[in-house]
Protein backbone atom coordinates (compact mmCIF):
# COMPACT_ATOMS: atom_id res chain seq x y z
CA MET A 1 -32.62 -26.34 -16.42
CA ILE A 2 -30.78 -23.78 -18.55
CA ARG A 3 -32.57 -24.17 -21.96
CA LYS A 4 -31.63 -22.73 -25.05
CA THR A 5 -33.53 -19.57 -26.90
CA ASP A 6 -35.76 -20.23 -29.86
CA ASP A 7 -34.87 -16.97 -31.16
CA ILE A 8 -32.35 -16.87 -34.26
CA ILE A 9 -31.43 -13.47 -33.97
CA ILE A 10 -30.54 -13.32 -29.98
CA ARG A 11 -28.18 -16.98 -30.59
CA THR A 12 -26.52 -15.47 -33.98
CA VAL A 13 -25.36 -11.72 -32.22
CA ALA A 14 -24.26 -14.24 -28.64
CA ARG A 15 -22.39 -16.34 -31.11
CA ILE A 16 -20.62 -13.57 -32.84
CA LEU A 17 -20.03 -11.36 -29.74
CA VAL A 18 -18.15 -14.32 -27.75
CA PRO A 19 -14.92 -14.16 -29.22
CA PHE A 20 -14.90 -10.60 -28.98
CA ILE A 21 -15.70 -10.57 -25.19
CA GLN A 22 -13.16 -13.26 -24.96
CA ILE A 23 -10.24 -11.48 -26.68
CA TYR A 24 -11.22 -8.29 -24.50
CA ALA A 25 -11.01 -10.47 -21.37
CA LEU A 26 -7.52 -11.69 -22.50
CA TYR A 27 -6.37 -8.33 -22.85
CA VAL A 28 -7.52 -7.46 -19.48
CA ILE A 29 -5.71 -10.31 -18.05
CA MET A 30 -2.84 -9.65 -19.97
CA HIS A 31 -2.44 -5.82 -18.88
CA GLY A 32 -3.12 -6.28 -15.44
CA HIS A 33 0.11 -6.04 -13.91
CA TYR A 34 0.82 -2.79 -15.85
CA SER A 35 -2.70 -1.31 -15.07
CA PRO A 36 -5.92 -1.67 -13.27
CA GLY A 37 -7.80 -4.76 -13.69
CA GLY A 38 -5.94 -8.16 -14.27
CA GLY A 39 -6.78 -11.79 -12.74
CA PHE A 40 -10.02 -11.15 -11.33
CA GLN A 41 -11.82 -8.86 -13.55
CA GLY A 42 -10.38 -10.80 -16.67
CA GLY A 43 -11.85 -14.19 -15.48
CA VAL A 44 -15.29 -12.42 -14.64
CA ILE A 45 -15.29 -11.03 -17.95
CA LEU A 46 -14.16 -15.03 -20.06
CA GLY A 47 -16.97 -16.34 -17.18
CA ALA A 48 -19.51 -14.07 -18.53
CA SER A 49 -18.70 -14.87 -22.20
CA ILE A 50 -19.47 -18.62 -21.64
CA ILE A 51 -22.29 -17.74 -19.34
CA LEU A 52 -23.30 -15.97 -22.09
CA LEU A 53 -23.61 -19.13 -24.57
CA LEU A 54 -25.35 -20.97 -21.40
CA ILE A 55 -27.79 -18.49 -21.82
CA THR A 56 -28.46 -18.35 -25.28
CA HIS A 57 -27.82 -21.88 -26.12
CA GLY A 58 -28.34 -23.46 -22.74
CA LEU A 59 -26.52 -26.16 -21.05
CA VAL A 60 -26.53 -28.95 -23.52
CA GLU A 61 -24.99 -27.48 -26.62
CA THR A 62 -22.54 -25.35 -24.11
CA THR A 63 -21.40 -28.36 -22.40
CA LYS A 64 -20.36 -29.93 -25.88
CA LYS A 65 -17.81 -26.54 -26.21
CA ILE A 66 -16.56 -27.23 -22.45
CA SER A 67 -17.79 -29.69 -20.46
CA GLU A 68 -18.64 -29.67 -16.64
CA ARG A 69 -15.24 -31.67 -16.09
CA ALA A 70 -12.89 -28.87 -17.94
CA ILE A 71 -14.37 -26.14 -15.82
CA ALA A 72 -13.40 -27.95 -12.48
CA ILE A 73 -9.88 -28.51 -14.03
CA PHE A 74 -9.47 -25.32 -14.85
CA SER A 75 -10.53 -23.76 -11.44
CA SER A 76 -7.73 -26.58 -10.15
CA ILE A 77 -5.11 -25.46 -12.47
CA GLY A 78 -5.45 -21.62 -11.89
CA VAL A 79 -5.12 -23.05 -7.97
CA PHE A 80 -2.14 -25.06 -8.78
CA ILE A 81 -0.61 -22.04 -10.64
CA TYR A 82 -0.98 -19.22 -7.83
CA ALA A 83 0.31 -21.92 -5.30
CA GLY A 84 3.33 -22.92 -7.49
CA ILE A 85 4.78 -19.74 -8.18
CA GLY A 86 4.11 -19.05 -4.59
CA VAL A 87 5.90 -22.61 -3.40
CA LEU A 88 8.80 -21.95 -6.30
CA CYS A 89 9.03 -18.72 -4.85
CA LEU A 90 9.87 -20.18 -1.47
CA LEU A 91 11.84 -23.25 -2.61
CA LEU A 92 14.32 -19.97 -3.64
CA TYR A 93 14.99 -19.02 -0.28
CA GLY A 94 12.00 -16.35 -0.81
CA ASN A 95 9.25 -15.56 0.65
CA PHE A 96 6.01 -16.35 -0.66
CA LEU A 97 4.95 -14.97 -4.04
CA ASP A 98 8.39 -12.70 -3.62
CA TYR A 99 8.39 -12.86 -7.63
CA SER A 100 12.09 -11.58 -7.53
CA LYS A 101 13.59 -15.11 -6.38
CA LEU A 102 12.48 -15.91 -9.99
CA SER A 103 15.12 -14.08 -11.70
CA VAL A 104 17.34 -17.04 -11.21
CA ILE A 105 15.18 -19.53 -12.49
CA LEU A 106 14.25 -17.10 -15.76
CA ASN A 107 17.20 -15.46 -16.20
CA VAL A 108 16.56 -12.07 -16.47
CA THR A 109 16.33 -9.30 -14.11
CA PRO A 110 14.78 -9.09 -10.55
CA ALA A 111 12.16 -6.47 -12.16
CA GLU A 112 11.21 -8.48 -14.93
CA ALA A 113 11.00 -11.52 -12.67
CA ARG A 114 8.42 -9.30 -10.81
CA SER A 115 6.53 -8.52 -13.72
CA MET A 116 6.43 -12.54 -15.21
CA GLY A 117 5.68 -13.87 -11.87
CA ILE A 118 2.98 -11.07 -11.25
CA LEU A 119 1.42 -11.95 -14.91
CA GLY A 120 1.64 -15.87 -13.89
CA VAL A 121 -0.46 -15.37 -11.20
CA GLU A 122 -2.79 -13.18 -12.73
CA ILE A 123 -3.46 -15.93 -15.19
CA GLY A 124 -3.76 -18.41 -12.40
CA VAL A 125 -6.51 -16.32 -10.87
CA SER A 126 -8.35 -15.76 -14.06
CA PHE A 127 -8.12 -19.35 -14.39
CA THR A 128 -9.74 -20.02 -11.36
CA VAL A 129 -12.16 -16.99 -11.19
CA MET A 130 -13.85 -17.74 -14.58
CA ALA A 131 -14.43 -21.49 -13.81
CA ILE A 132 -16.06 -20.96 -10.58
CA MET A 133 -18.41 -17.93 -11.74
CA ILE A 134 -19.85 -20.61 -14.78
CA SER A 135 -19.82 -23.48 -12.19
CA ILE A 136 -21.82 -20.71 -9.18
CA PHE A 137 -24.26 -19.89 -12.57
CA ILE A 138 -24.42 -23.25 -13.45
CA SER A 139 -25.32 -24.13 -9.80
CA ILE A 140 -27.81 -21.78 -9.67
CA SER A 141 -29.74 -22.64 -12.61
CA THR A 142 -30.15 -25.72 -12.39
CA THR A 143 -31.51 -25.82 -8.77
CA GLU A 144 -35.27 -26.52 -9.33
CA ASP A 145 -34.18 -29.25 -10.93
CA HIS A 146 -32.01 -31.12 -8.11
CA SER A 147 -34.77 -30.01 -5.87
CA LYS A 148 -37.40 -31.76 -8.00
CA TYR A 149 -35.33 -34.96 -8.00
CA ASP A 150 -34.50 -34.61 -4.06
CA LYS A 151 -38.22 -34.30 -3.46
CA GLU A 152 -38.94 -37.47 -5.62
CA HIS A 153 -35.86 -39.88 -4.16
CA TYR A 154 -36.52 -38.85 -0.65
């Protein structure tokens, strides 16, 4: 079980650092289509900020801020954004993720449409990666509780 720490200093420092970590993650995501980095790296950083809260504040207190259902919804939305942009390109008679075809809908040049399409995909990837990283951490951290439950009831 993920329990909160009793050390007030660790909890306070974590609470102060989390917003800065999340702002940095958003920076990595938003500049991912201009430079190395992007959706995956930004998603891992966002996930790490929530995992820091899980480690310092415990599962019960952290799930009050972001529930496990919200985490599942984020992972689904991320996949939907990625696939949706790809299918939209197909519907516009292009290849899957042929972002230049989005210029018709966005009313911009094909180069600008590619930039916006890549950014959209990076945002979708970051949502999914963030949610899956948090889910994996919660699953690994609470495995002992589930195994005790299984032994008692089977």
